[in-house]
Full PDB file with SEQRES, HELIX, SHEET, SSBOND, CRYST1, ORIGX, SCALE, CONECT and MASTER records, all heavy atoms in Angstrom:
SEQRES   1 A   32  ALA THR ILE GLU LYS MET GLY ILE PRO LEU THR ASP LYS          
SEQRES   2 A   32  GLN LYS GLU GLN VAL ALA ALA GLN ALA ALA TYR ASP ALA          
SEQRES   3 A   32  ALA LYS THR PRO LYS GLU                                      
HELIX    1 AA1 THR A    2  LYS A    5  1                                   4    
HELIX    2 AA2 ASP A   12  LYS A   28  1                                  17    
CRYST1    1.000    1.000    1.000  90.00  90.00  90.00 P 1           1          
ORIGX1      1.000000  0.000000  0.000000        0.00000                         
ORIGX2      0.000000  1.000000  0.000000        0.00000                         
ORIGX3      0.000000  0.000000  1.000000        0.00000                         
SCALE1      1.000000  0.000000  0.000000        0.00000                         
SCALE2      0.000000  1.000000  0.000000        0.00000                         
SCALE3      0.000000  0.000000  1.000000        0.00000                         
ATOM      1  N   ALA A   1      -1.866 -13.132  -7.787  1.00  0.00           N  
ATOM      2  CA  ALA A   1      -3.085 -12.736  -8.493  1.00  0.00           C  
ATOM      3  C   ALA A   1      -3.246 -13.522  -9.792  1.00  0.00           C  
ATOM      4  O   ALA A   1      -4.336 -13.994 -10.119  1.00  0.00           O  
ATOM      5  CB  ALA A   1      -3.061 -11.231  -8.781  1.00  0.00           C  
ATOM      6  N   THR A   2      -2.147 -13.684 -10.516  1.00  0.00           N  
ATOM      7  CA  THR A   2      -2.183 -14.404 -11.792  1.00  0.00           C  
ATOM      8  C   THR A   2      -2.484 -15.876 -11.572  1.00  0.00           C  
ATOM      9  O   THR A   2      -3.339 -16.454 -12.242  1.00  0.00           O  
ATOM     10  CB  THR A   2      -0.841 -14.223 -12.536  1.00  0.00           C  
ATOM     11  OG1 THR A   2      -0.600 -12.824 -12.707  1.00  0.00           O  
ATOM     12  CG2 THR A   2      -0.860 -14.905 -13.897  1.00  0.00           C  
ATOM     13  N   ILE A   3      -1.801 -16.480 -10.612  1.00  0.00           N  
ATOM     14  CA  ILE A   3      -2.009 -17.900 -10.315  1.00  0.00           C  
ATOM     15  C   ILE A   3      -3.452 -18.153  -9.877  1.00  0.00           C  
ATOM     16  O   ILE A   3      -4.100 -19.073 -10.347  1.00  0.00           O  
ATOM     17  CB  ILE A   3      -0.998 -18.374  -9.245  1.00  0.00           C  
ATOM     18  CG1 ILE A   3       0.394 -18.495  -9.876  1.00  0.00           C  
ATOM     19  CG2 ILE A   3      -1.407 -19.714  -8.652  1.00  0.00           C  
ATOM     20  CD1 ILE A   3       1.463 -18.942  -8.924  1.00  0.00           C  
ATOM     21  N   GLU A   4      -3.948 -17.307  -8.980  1.00  0.00           N  
ATOM     22  CA  GLU A   4      -5.319 -17.476  -8.485  1.00  0.00           C  
ATOM     23  C   GLU A   4      -6.342 -17.301  -9.609  1.00  0.00           C  
ATOM     24  O   GLU A   4      -7.315 -18.031  -9.677  1.00  0.00           O  
ATOM     25  CB  GLU A   4      -5.605 -16.498  -7.347  1.00  0.00           C  
ATOM     26  CG  GLU A   4      -4.927 -16.916  -6.054  1.00  0.00           C  
ATOM     27  CD  GLU A   4      -5.300 -16.035  -4.891  1.00  0.00           C  
ATOM     28  OE1 GLU A   4      -5.137 -14.806  -4.988  1.00  0.00           O  
ATOM     29  OE2 GLU A   4      -5.758 -16.587  -3.890  1.00  0.00           O  
ATOM     30  N   LYS A   5      -6.108 -16.338 -10.502  1.00  0.00           N  
ATOM     31  CA  LYS A   5      -7.019 -16.089 -11.625  1.00  0.00           C  
ATOM     32  C   LYS A   5      -7.112 -17.332 -12.512  1.00  0.00           C  
ATOM     33  O   LYS A   5      -8.159 -17.626 -13.078  1.00  0.00           O  
ATOM     34  CB  LYS A   5      -6.509 -14.882 -12.433  1.00  0.00           C  
ATOM     35  CG  LYS A   5      -7.431 -14.433 -13.527  1.00  0.00           C  
ATOM     36  CD  LYS A   5      -8.540 -13.581 -12.981  1.00  0.00           C  
ATOM     37  CE  LYS A   5      -9.363 -12.988 -14.105  1.00  0.00           C  
ATOM     38  NZ  LYS A   5     -10.489 -12.228 -13.611  1.00  0.00           N  
ATOM     39  N   MET A   6      -6.014 -18.078 -12.600  1.00  0.00           N  
ATOM     40  CA  MET A   6      -5.975 -19.303 -13.405  1.00  0.00           C  
ATOM     41  C   MET A   6      -6.587 -20.497 -12.675  1.00  0.00           C  
ATOM     42  O   MET A   6      -6.671 -21.582 -13.229  1.00  0.00           O  
ATOM     43  CB  MET A   6      -4.530 -19.638 -13.776  1.00  0.00           C  
ATOM     44  CG  MET A   6      -3.939 -18.709 -14.772  1.00  0.00           C  
ATOM     45  SD  MET A   6      -2.308 -19.260 -15.229  1.00  0.00           S  
ATOM     46  CE  MET A   6      -2.039 -18.255 -16.674  1.00  0.00           C  
ATOM     47  N   GLY A   7      -6.945 -20.284 -11.407  1.00  0.00           N  
ATOM     48  CA  GLY A   7      -7.536 -21.379 -10.648  1.00  0.00           C  
ATOM     49  C   GLY A   7      -6.506 -22.335 -10.059  1.00  0.00           C  
ATOM     50  O   GLY A   7      -6.825 -23.460  -9.691  1.00  0.00           O  
ATOM     51  N   ILE A   8      -5.261 -21.883  -9.980  1.00  0.00           N  
ATOM     52  CA  ILE A   8      -4.199 -22.700  -9.385  1.00  0.00           C  
ATOM     53  C   ILE A   8      -4.144 -22.369  -7.895  1.00  0.00           C  
ATOM     54  O   ILE A   8      -3.956 -21.208  -7.533  1.00  0.00           O  
ATOM     55  CB  ILE A   8      -2.831 -22.431 -10.066  1.00  0.00           C  
ATOM     56  CG1 ILE A   8      -2.917 -22.738 -11.579  1.00  0.00           C  
ATOM     57  CG2 ILE A   8      -1.726 -23.228  -9.397  1.00  0.00           C  
ATOM     58  CD1 ILE A   8      -1.751 -22.211 -12.391  1.00  0.00           C  
ATOM     59  N   PRO A   9      -4.334 -23.359  -7.017  1.00  0.00           N  
ATOM     60  CA  PRO A   9      -4.363 -23.063  -5.582  1.00  0.00           C  
ATOM     61  C   PRO A   9      -2.992 -22.606  -5.049  1.00  0.00           C  
ATOM     62  O   PRO A   9      -1.953 -23.058  -5.511  1.00  0.00           O  
ATOM     63  CB  PRO A   9      -4.780 -24.379  -4.932  1.00  0.00           C  
ATOM     64  CG  PRO A   9      -4.676 -25.428  -5.982  1.00  0.00           C  
ATOM     65  CD  PRO A   9      -4.535 -24.771  -7.316  1.00  0.00           C  
ATOM     66  N   LEU A  10      -3.055 -21.703  -4.077  1.00  0.00           N  
ATOM     67  CA  LEU A  10      -1.848 -21.231  -3.395  1.00  0.00           C  
ATOM     68  C   LEU A  10      -1.552 -22.160  -2.215  1.00  0.00           C  
ATOM     69  O   LEU A  10      -2.468 -22.722  -1.631  1.00  0.00           O  
ATOM     70  CB  LEU A  10      -2.052 -19.805  -2.860  1.00  0.00           C  
ATOM     71  CG  LEU A  10      -2.338 -18.698  -3.857  1.00  0.00           C  
ATOM     72  CD1 LEU A  10      -2.503 -17.379  -3.132  1.00  0.00           C  
ATOM     73  CD2 LEU A  10      -1.254 -18.593  -4.899  1.00  0.00           C  
ATOM     74  N   THR A  11      -0.279 -22.241  -1.855  1.00  0.00           N  
ATOM     75  CA  THR A  11       0.090 -22.984  -0.649  1.00  0.00           C  
ATOM     76  C   THR A  11      -0.231 -22.109   0.559  1.00  0.00           C  
ATOM     77  O   THR A  11      -0.404 -20.897   0.427  1.00  0.00           O  
ATOM     78  CB  THR A  11       1.598 -23.322  -0.631  1.00  0.00           C  
ATOM     79  OG1 THR A  11       2.338 -22.093  -0.537  1.00  0.00           O  
ATOM     80  CG2 THR A  11       2.046 -24.080  -1.877  1.00  0.00           C  
ATOM     81  N   ASP A  12      -0.294 -22.713   1.745  1.00  0.00           N  
ATOM     82  CA  ASP A  12      -0.560 -21.932   2.959  1.00  0.00           C  
ATOM     83  C   ASP A  12       0.502 -20.866   3.155  1.00  0.00           C  
ATOM     84  O   ASP A  12       0.195 -19.733   3.531  1.00  0.00           O  
ATOM     85  CB  ASP A  12      -0.625 -22.852   4.186  1.00  0.00           C  
ATOM     86  CG  ASP A  12      -1.900 -23.701   4.172  1.00  0.00           C  
ATOM     87  OD1 ASP A  12      -2.857 -23.346   3.446  1.00  0.00           O  
ATOM     88  OD2 ASP A  12      -1.933 -24.714   4.881  1.00  0.00           O  
ATOM     89  N   LYS A  13       1.748 -21.211   2.885  1.00  0.00           N  
ATOM     90  CA  LYS A  13       2.845 -20.245   3.043  1.00  0.00           C  
ATOM     91  C   LYS A  13       2.647 -19.068   2.086  1.00  0.00           C  
ATOM     92  O   LYS A  13       2.852 -17.912   2.458  1.00  0.00           O  
ATOM     93  CB  LYS A  13       4.185 -20.935   2.796  1.00  0.00           C  
ATOM     94  CG  LYS A  13       5.358 -20.031   3.066  1.00  0.00           C  
ATOM     95  CD  LYS A  13       6.682 -20.747   2.943  1.00  0.00           C  
ATOM     96  CE  LYS A  13       7.779 -19.715   3.030  1.00  0.00           C  
ATOM     97  NZ  LYS A  13       8.893 -20.022   3.779  1.00  0.00           N  
ATOM     98  N   GLN A  14       2.227 -19.357   0.865  1.00  0.00           N  
ATOM     99  CA  GLN A  14       1.987 -18.287  -0.105  1.00  0.00           C  
ATOM    100  C   GLN A  14       0.821 -17.403   0.331  1.00  0.00           C  
ATOM    101  O   GLN A  14       0.879 -16.191   0.170  1.00  0.00           O  
ATOM    102  CB  GLN A  14       1.707 -18.880  -1.489  1.00  0.00           C  
ATOM    103  CG  GLN A  14       2.945 -19.475  -2.127  1.00  0.00           C  
ATOM    104  CD  GLN A  14       2.626 -20.280  -3.363  1.00  0.00           C  
ATOM    105  OE1 GLN A  14       1.525 -20.813  -3.509  1.00  0.00           O  
ATOM    106  NE2 GLN A  14       3.580 -20.379  -4.256  1.00  0.00           N  
ATOM    107  N   LYS A  15      -0.217 -18.013   0.900  1.00  0.00           N  
ATOM    108  CA  LYS A  15      -1.351 -17.230   1.390  1.00  0.00           C  
ATOM    109  C   LYS A  15      -0.890 -16.276   2.486  1.00  0.00           C  
ATOM    110  O   LYS A  15      -1.334 -15.128   2.546  1.00  0.00           O  
ATOM    111  CB  LYS A  15      -2.457 -18.153   1.913  1.00  0.00           C  
ATOM    112  CG  LYS A  15      -3.193 -18.875   0.813  1.00  0.00           C  
ATOM    113  CD  LYS A  15      -4.195 -19.864   1.385  1.00  0.00           C  
ATOM    114  CE  LYS A  15      -4.778 -20.740   0.299  1.00  0.00           C  
ATOM    115  NZ  LYS A  15      -5.508 -21.883   0.833  1.00  0.00           N  
ATOM    116  N   GLU A  16       0.025 -16.743   3.351  1.00  0.00           N  
ATOM    117  CA  GLU A  16       0.588 -15.887   4.403  1.00  0.00           C  
ATOM    118  C   GLU A  16       1.377 -14.732   3.787  1.00  0.00           C  
ATOM    119  O   GLU A  16       1.294 -13.597   4.250  1.00  0.00           O  
ATOM    120  CB  GLU A  16       1.505 -16.694   5.329  1.00  0.00           C  
ATOM    121  CG  GLU A  16       0.766 -17.639   6.256  1.00  0.00           C  
ATOM    122  CD  GLU A  16       1.697 -18.618   6.972  1.00  0.00           C  
ATOM    123  OE1 GLU A  16       2.906 -18.338   7.076  1.00  0.00           O  
ATOM    124  OE2 GLU A  16       1.196 -19.662   7.412  1.00  0.00           O  
ATOM    125  N   GLN A  17       2.154 -15.044   2.735  1.00  0.00           N  
ATOM    126  CA  GLN A  17       2.944 -14.011   2.055  1.00  0.00           C  
ATOM    127  C   GLN A  17       2.032 -12.947   1.445  1.00  0.00           C  
ATOM    128  O   GLN A  17       2.312 -11.758   1.533  1.00  0.00           O  
ATOM    129  CB  GLN A  17       3.784 -14.625   0.925  1.00  0.00           C  
ATOM    130  CG  GLN A  17       5.028 -15.332   1.395  1.00  0.00           C  
ATOM    131  CD  GLN A  17       5.785 -15.915   0.205  1.00  0.00           C  
ATOM    132  OE1 GLN A  17       5.213 -16.555  -0.660  1.00  0.00           O  
ATOM    133  NE2 GLN A  17       7.082 -15.704   0.191  1.00  0.00           N  
ATOM    134  N   VAL A  18       0.937 -13.403   0.819  1.00  0.00           N  
ATOM    135  CA  VAL A  18      -0.009 -12.478   0.199  1.00  0.00           C  
ATOM    136  C   VAL A  18      -0.625 -11.566   1.258  1.00  0.00           C  
ATOM    137  O   VAL A  18      -0.723 -10.350   1.072  1.00  0.00           O  
ATOM    138  CB  VAL A  18      -1.102 -13.258  -0.582  1.00  0.00           C  
ATOM    139  CG1 VAL A  18      -2.230 -12.336  -1.015  1.00  0.00           C  
ATOM    140  CG2 VAL A  18      -0.489 -13.959  -1.786  1.00  0.00           C  
ATOM    141  N   ALA A  19      -1.003 -12.145   2.396  1.00  0.00           N  
ATOM    142  CA  ALA A  19      -1.579 -11.360   3.494  1.00  0.00           C  
ATOM    143  C   ALA A  19      -0.554 -10.367   4.042  1.00  0.00           C  
ATOM    144  O   ALA A  19      -0.878  -9.211   4.316  1.00  0.00           O  
ATOM    145  CB  ALA A  19      -2.076 -12.290   4.600  1.00  0.00           C  
ATOM    146  N   ALA A  20       0.687 -10.821   4.175  1.00  0.00           N  
ATOM    147  CA  ALA A  20       1.756  -9.947   4.680  1.00  0.00           C  
ATOM    148  C   ALA A  20       2.009  -8.795   3.709  1.00  0.00           C  
ATOM    149  O   ALA A  20       2.197  -7.654   4.117  1.00  0.00           O  
ATOM    150  CB  ALA A  20       3.041 -10.745   4.902  1.00  0.00           C  
ATOM    151  N   GLN A  21       1.975  -9.096   2.410  1.00  0.00           N  
ATOM    152  CA  GLN A  21       2.191  -8.061   1.394  1.00  0.00           C  
ATOM    153  C   GLN A  21       1.048  -7.046   1.425  1.00  0.00           C  
ATOM    154  O   GLN A  21       1.276  -5.841   1.348  1.00  0.00           O  
ATOM    155  CB  GLN A  21       2.306  -8.688  -0.003  1.00  0.00           C  
ATOM    156  CG  GLN A  21       2.608  -7.672  -1.106  1.00  0.00           C  
ATOM    157  CD  GLN A  21       3.987  -7.051  -0.986  1.00  0.00           C  
ATOM    158  OE1 GLN A  21       4.983  -7.749  -0.878  1.00  0.00           O  
ATOM    159  NE2 GLN A  21       4.058  -5.730  -0.995  1.00  0.00           N  
ATOM    160  N   ALA A  22      -0.178  -7.537   1.573  1.00  0.00           N  
ATOM    161  CA  ALA A  22      -1.337  -6.642   1.632  1.00  0.00           C  
ATOM    162  C   ALA A  22      -1.236  -5.725   2.848  1.00  0.00           C  
ATOM    163  O   ALA A  22      -1.510  -4.527   2.764  1.00  0.00           O  
ATOM    164  CB  ALA A  22      -2.629  -7.455   1.671  1.00  0.00           C  
ATOM    165  N   ALA A  23      -0.826  -6.284   3.987  1.00  0.00           N  
ATOM    166  CA  ALA A  23      -0.666  -5.492   5.211  1.00  0.00           C  
ATOM    167  C   ALA A  23       0.445  -4.454   5.028  1.00  0.00           C  
ATOM    168  O   ALA A  23       0.312  -3.299   5.441  1.00  0.00           O  
ATOM    169  CB  ALA A  23      -0.358  -6.401   6.394  1.00  0.00           C  
ATOM    170  N   TYR A  24       1.527  -4.874   4.380  1.00  0.00           N  
ATOM    171  CA  TYR A  24       2.654  -3.965   4.123  1.00  0.00           C  
ATOM    172  C   TYR A  24       2.204  -2.817   3.220  1.00  0.00           C  
ATOM    173  O   TYR A  24       2.472  -1.654   3.490  1.00  0.00           O  
ATOM    174  CB  TYR A  24       3.803  -4.742   3.475  1.00  0.00           C  
ATOM    175  CG  TYR A  24       4.955  -3.865   3.041  1.00  0.00           C  
ATOM    176  CD1 TYR A  24       5.876  -3.375   3.966  1.00  0.00           C  
ATOM    177  CD2 TYR A  24       5.134  -3.527   1.701  1.00  0.00           C  
ATOM    178  CE1 TYR A  24       6.931  -2.574   3.565  1.00  0.00           C  
ATOM    179  CE2 TYR A  24       6.184  -2.725   1.295  1.00  0.00           C  
ATOM    180  CZ  TYR A  24       7.081  -2.252   2.232  1.00  0.00           C  
ATOM    181  OH  TYR A  24       8.118  -1.466   1.832  1.00  0.00           O  
ATOM    182  N   ASP A  25       1.496  -3.169   2.138  1.00  0.00           N  
ATOM    183  CA  ASP A  25       1.006  -2.148   1.205  1.00  0.00           C  
ATOM    184  C   ASP A  25       0.054  -1.179   1.899  1.00  0.00           C  
ATOM    185  O   ASP A  25       0.104   0.018   1.671  1.00  0.00           O  
ATOM    186  CB  ASP A  25       0.318  -2.797  -0.008  1.00  0.00           C  
ATOM    187  CG  ASP A  25       1.310  -3.542  -0.904  1.00  0.00           C  
ATOM    188  OD1 ASP A  25       2.524  -3.302  -0.791  1.00  0.00           O  
ATOM    189  OD2 ASP A  25       0.841  -4.359  -1.713  1.00  0.00           O  
ATOM    190  N   ALA A  26      -0.820  -1.719   2.766  1.00  0.00           N  
ATOM    191  CA  ALA A  26      -1.769  -0.874   3.495  1.00  0.00           C  
ATOM    192  C   ALA A  26      -1.036   0.076   4.444  1.00  0.00           C  
ATOM    193  O   ALA A  26      -1.396   1.235   4.577  1.00  0.00           O  
ATOM    194  CB  ALA A  26      -2.755  -1.757   4.266  1.00  0.00           C  
ATOM    195  N   ALA A  27       0.019  -0.426   5.063  1.00  0.00           N  
ATOM    196  CA  ALA A  27       0.793   0.397   6.018  1.00  0.00           C  
ATOM    197  C   ALA A  27       1.533   1.517   5.283  1.00  0.00           C  
ATOM    198  O   ALA A  27       1.752   2.582   5.832  1.00  0.00           O  
ATOM    199  CB  ALA A  27       1.788  -0.481   6.779  1.00  0.00           C  
ATOM    200  N   LYS A  28       1.923   1.266   4.043  1.00  0.00           N  
ATOM    201  CA  LYS A  28       2.658   2.243   3.250  1.00  0.00           C  
ATOM    202  C   LYS A  28       1.770   3.318   2.658  1.00  0.00           C  
ATOM    203  O   LYS A  28       2.244   4.382   2.327  1.00  0.00           O  
ATOM    204  CB  LYS A  28       3.244   1.534   2.059  1.00  0.00           C  
ATOM    205  CG  LYS A  28       4.466   1.148   1.871  1.00  0.00           C  
ATOM    206  CD  LYS A  28       5.079   0.614   0.658  1.00  0.00           C  
ATOM    207  CE  LYS A  28       4.194   0.227  -0.485  1.00  0.00           C  
ATOM    208  NZ  LYS A  28       4.915  -0.310  -1.586  1.00  0.00           N  
ATOM    209  N   THR A  29       0.509   2.987   2.460  1.00  0.00           N  
ATOM    210  CA  THR A  29      -0.424   3.931   1.836  1.00  0.00           C  
ATOM    211  C   THR A  29      -0.764   5.034   2.829  1.00  0.00           C  
ATOM    212  O   THR A  29      -1.225   4.740   3.927  1.00  0.00           O  
ATOM    213  CB  THR A  29      -1.719   3.196   1.408  1.00  0.00           C  
ATOM    214  OG1 THR A  29      -1.350   2.092   0.596  1.00  0.00           O  
ATOM    215  CG2 THR A  29      -2.627   4.116   0.627  1.00  0.00           C  
ATOM    216  N   PRO A  30      -0.524   6.285   2.450  1.00  0.00           N  
ATOM    217  CA  PRO A  30      -0.833   7.379   3.381  1.00  0.00           C  
ATOM    218  C   PRO A  30      -2.336   7.456   3.658  1.00  0.00           C  
ATOM    219  O   PRO A  30      -3.142   7.302   2.747  1.00  0.00           O  
ATOM    220  CB  PRO A  30      -0.332   8.623   2.669  1.00  0.00           C  
ATOM    221  CG  PRO A  30      -0.013   8.236   1.280  1.00  0.00           C  
ATOM    222  CD  PRO A  30       0.006   6.747   1.186  1.00  0.00           C  
ATOM    223  N   LYS A  31      -2.669   7.648   4.905  1.00  0.00           N  
ATOM    224  CA  LYS A  31      -4.075   7.778   5.298  1.00  0.00           C  
ATOM    225  C   LYS A  31      -4.522   9.207   5.042  1.00  0.00           C  
ATOM    226  O   LYS A  31      -3.798  10.142   5.311  1.00  0.00           O  
ATOM    227  CB  LYS A  31      -4.236   7.449   6.790  1.00  0.00           C  
ATOM    228  CG  LYS A  31      -3.704   6.077   7.200  1.00  0.00           C  
ATOM    229  CD  LYS A  31      -4.699   4.974   6.853  1.00  0.00           C  
ATOM    230  CE  LYS A  31      -4.215   3.625   7.272  1.00  0.00           C  
ATOM    231  NZ  LYS A  31      -3.408   2.895   6.330  1.00  0.00           N  
ATOM    232  N   GLU A  32      -5.730   9.349   4.534  1.00  0.00           N  
ATOM    233  CA  GLU A  32      -6.231  10.707   4.241  1.00  0.00           C  
ATOM    234  C   GLU A  32      -7.119  11.206   5.338  1.00  0.00           C  
ATOM    235  O   GLU A  32      -7.803  10.473   5.979  1.00  0.00           O  
ATOM    236  CB  GLU A  32      -6.979  10.697   2.907  1.00  0.00           C  
ATOM    237  CG  GLU A  32      -6.001  10.463   1.766  1.00  0.00           C  
ATOM    238  CD  GLU A  32      -6.639  10.712   0.405  1.00  0.00           C  
ATOM    239  OE1 GLU A  32      -7.499  11.595   0.308  1.00  0.00           O  
ATOM    240  OE2 GLU A  32      -6.265  10.037  -0.525  1.00  0.00           O  
TER     241      GLU A  32                                                      
MASTER        0    0    0    2    0    0    0    6  240    1    0    3          
END                                                                             
């Protein structure tokens, strides 16, 4: 988030990590 806010591009591998983290966080969040 910090790197992107500064306009520094992410590598493809980092983009995959970010997507994986988002999916992980979504899976952990209890559904209401």
